[in-house]
Amino acid sequence: MNVIEERKVSDSMVETVHMVRPNHMNAAGRLFGGMLMQWLDEVAGLVAKRHTRSNVITASVDNLHFIHGAYQGEMVVIIGKVTYVGNSSMEVRVDTYVEHLEDGMRHAINRAYFTMVALDENDKPKKAPRLILETEAEKAEWAAAEKRREMRMRRKKEGF
């Protein structure tokens, strides 16, 4: 008898913290966007690995919005969570904040949505565990993710 695997959003959430150092800076004196994208992809991969308990691959990134820069010495907090699960793919939302040491307040600087694919031992797509939605916010995020998925499919069909 096959048991359908399922996990809660909270089971796979990941939070990382990075200190912006001189080697992370671009010529304008801000955190290099490519460095942040690397950190985001790592978090999305960790979230997807936790959810699937398998290897994963990044299929796409969209809605990558740079809201504000981060500067040397600032603490960057990156939080990732699964928002939607299809057959072998899942959407992972990754939010980035600068946390101010003086008051602990976090200010959003970036948000991105990654499509990750679960892989079997032969690096072929495999079924991902279902996602248990526990809160109204999780249900709303799922509904929004379905719309984003439809837009991705439409863009793919139209060659964008």
Protein backbone atom coordinates (compact mmCIF):
# COMPACT_ATOMS: atom_id res chain seq x y z
CA MET A 1 0.00 0.00 0.00
CA ASN A 2 1.41 3.39 -1.04
CA VAL A 3 1.24 6.06 1.61
CA ILE A 4 1.10 9.59 0.23
CA GLU A 5 3.81 11.67 1.83
CA GLU A 6 2.86 15.10 3.06
CA ARG A 7 4.56 17.82 5.04
CA LYS A 8 3.61 21.10 6.66
CA VAL A 9 5.00 24.44 5.47
CA SER A 10 6.76 24.80 8.83
CA ASP A 11 8.53 21.44 8.39
CA SER A 12 10.81 22.81 5.70
CA MET A 13 11.19 26.53 6.48
CA VAL A 14 14.77 27.79 6.43
CA GLU A 15 16.25 30.98 7.87
CA THR A 16 19.83 32.01 7.22
CA VAL A 17 21.77 35.07 8.34
CA HIS A 18 24.69 36.67 6.49
CA MET A 19 26.89 39.60 7.41
CA VAL A 20 27.56 41.81 4.39
CA ARG A 21 31.35 41.89 4.05
CA PRO A 22 33.66 43.88 1.75
CA ASN A 23 33.99 40.92 -0.68
CA HIS A 24 30.18 40.93 -1.13
CA MET A 25 30.09 44.53 -2.39
CA ASN A 26 29.58 45.84 -5.92
CA ALA A 27 31.23 48.95 -7.38
CA ALA A 28 28.36 51.12 -6.08
CA GLY A 29 29.05 50.10 -2.47
CA ARG A 30 26.02 47.84 -2.06
CA LEU A 31 25.57 44.08 -1.74
CA PHE A 32 26.26 42.59 -5.18
CA GLY A 33 22.99 41.28 -6.65
CA GLY A 34 24.70 38.09 -7.84
CA MET A 35 25.86 37.33 -4.30
CA LEU A 36 22.32 37.76 -2.99
CA MET A 37 20.97 35.57 -5.79
CA GLN A 38 23.42 32.83 -4.78
CA TRP A 39 22.24 33.04 -1.16
CA LEU A 40 18.59 32.96 -2.29
CA ASP A 41 19.15 29.89 -4.49
CA GLU A 42 20.89 28.10 -1.61
CA VAL A 43 17.96 28.81 0.73
CA ALA A 44 15.40 27.73 -1.89
CA GLY A 45 17.37 24.52 -2.43
CA LEU A 46 17.55 23.79 1.30
CA VAL A 47 13.80 24.36 1.69
CA ALA A 48 13.02 22.04 -1.24
CA LYS A 49 15.47 19.39 0.04
CA ARG A 50 13.83 19.48 3.46
CA HIS A 51 10.38 19.18 1.91
CA THR A 52 11.25 16.33 -0.46
CA ARG A 53 14.05 14.70 1.56
CA SER A 54 15.80 14.26 -1.76
CA ASN A 55 18.02 16.04 -4.21
CA VAL A 56 16.46 18.98 -6.06
CA ILE A 57 17.24 21.30 -8.94
CA THR A 58 16.28 24.92 -9.60
CA ALA A 59 13.98 25.07 -12.63
CA SER A 60 13.26 28.80 -12.63
CA VAL A 61 13.28 32.01 -10.65
CA ASP A 62 10.70 34.70 -11.10
CA ASN A 63 9.32 37.80 -9.47
CA LEU A 64 12.82 38.59 -8.25
CA HIS A 65 12.39 42.11 -6.89
CA PHE A 66 15.24 44.17 -5.49
CA ILE A 67 13.34 46.50 -3.15
CA HIS A 68 16.28 48.08 -1.36
CA GLY A 69 20.05 47.64 -1.16
CA ALA A 70 22.11 46.18 1.68
CA TYR A 71 25.37 47.73 2.78
CA GLN A 72 28.65 46.65 4.36
CA GLY A 73 28.27 45.56 7.97
CA GLU A 74 24.52 44.99 7.72
CA MET A 75 22.94 41.70 8.73
CA VAL A 76 20.91 40.06 5.94
CA VAL A 77 18.22 37.56 6.99
CA ILE A 78 16.82 35.21 4.33
CA ILE A 79 13.68 33.15 4.99
CA GLY A 80 12.38 30.48 2.63
CA LYS A 81 9.23 28.38 2.65
CA VAL A 82 7.26 26.12 0.32
CA THR A 83 4.14 27.85 -1.00
CA TYR A 84 2.87 25.34 -3.57
CA VAL A 85 3.50 21.75 -4.65
CA GLY A 86 2.64 20.29 -8.04
CA ASN A 87 3.65 16.81 -9.13
CA SER A 88 7.46 16.91 -9.01
CA SER A 89 7.88 20.67 -8.74
CA MET A 90 7.28 23.09 -5.92
CA GLU A 91 7.32 26.84 -5.52
CA VAL A 92 9.54 28.28 -2.79
CA ARG A 93 9.09 31.87 -1.64
CA VAL A 94 12.28 33.50 -0.41
CA ASP A 95 12.11 36.80 1.49
CA THR A 96 15.17 38.86 2.36
CA TYR A 97 15.46 41.42 5.14
CA VAL A 98 18.09 43.67 6.62
CA GLU A 99 17.96 43.30 10.41
CA HIS A 100 19.02 46.37 12.34
CA LEU A 101 21.13 45.54 15.37
CA GLU A 102 19.94 48.56 17.38
CA ASP A 103 16.30 47.51 17.59
CA GLY A 104 16.06 44.07 15.94
CA MET A 105 13.65 45.43 13.33
CA ARG A 106 13.67 43.76 9.94
CA HIS A 107 13.13 45.67 6.71
CA ALA A 108 12.31 43.84 3.48
CA ILE A 109 14.88 44.25 0.71
CA ASN A 110 14.02 41.40 -1.68
CA ARG A 111 11.45 38.73 -2.55
CA ALA A 112 11.74 35.95 -5.10
CA TYR A 113 9.85 32.82 -6.11
CA PHE A 114 11.82 29.73 -7.12
CA THR A 115 10.47 26.67 -8.91
CA MET A 116 12.34 23.65 -7.60
CA VAL A 117 12.06 20.06 -8.90
CA ALA A 118 12.44 16.93 -6.75
CA LEU A 119 14.90 14.40 -8.16
CA ASP A 120 15.27 10.66 -7.64
CA GLU A 121 18.58 8.79 -7.31
CA ASN A 122 18.99 8.94 -11.13
CA ASP A 123 18.45 12.72 -11.26
CA LYS A 124 15.01 12.23 -12.84
CA PRO A 125 11.96 14.17 -11.59
CA LYS A 126 10.08 12.36 -8.83
CA LYS A 127 6.83 12.96 -7.00
CA ALA A 128 7.08 15.61 -4.29
CA PRO A 129 5.26 15.24 -0.97
CA ARG A 130 1.92 17.04 -0.71
CA LEU A 131 1.79 20.30 1.25
CA ILE A 132 -0.40 20.59 4.34
CA LEU A 133 -1.84 24.10 4.59
CA GLU A 134 -2.57 25.04 8.19
CA THR A 135 -3.25 28.78 8.16
CA GLU A 136 -5.30 31.21 6.12
CA ALA A 137 -2.04 32.90 5.07
CA GLU A 138 -0.71 29.57 3.73
CA LYS A 139 -3.96 28.99 1.82
CA ALA A 140 -3.79 32.51 0.33
CA GLU A 141 -0.14 31.97 -0.67
CA TRP A 142 -1.14 28.66 -2.35
CA ALA A 143 -3.87 30.45 -4.35
CA ALA A 144 -1.42 33.16 -5.42
CA ALA A 145 1.13 30.47 -6.33
CA GLU A 146 -1.43 28.78 -8.59
CA LYS A 147 -1.84 32.08 -10.47
CA ARG A 148 1.94 32.50 -10.76
CA ARG A 149 2.18 28.92 -12.06
CA GLU A 150 -0.48 29.63 -14.71
CA MET A 151 1.48 32.73 -15.81
CA ARG A 152 4.73 30.72 -15.97
CA MET A 153 3.01 28.07 -18.12
CA ARG A 154 1.54 30.73 -20.40
CA ARG A 155 4.94 32.45 -20.81
CA LYS A 156 6.59 29.08 -21.55
CA LYS A 157 3.94 28.24 -24.17
CA GLU A 158 4.39 31.68 -25.78
CA GLY A 159 8.18 31.34 -25.77
CA PHE A 160 9.01 33.97 -23.12
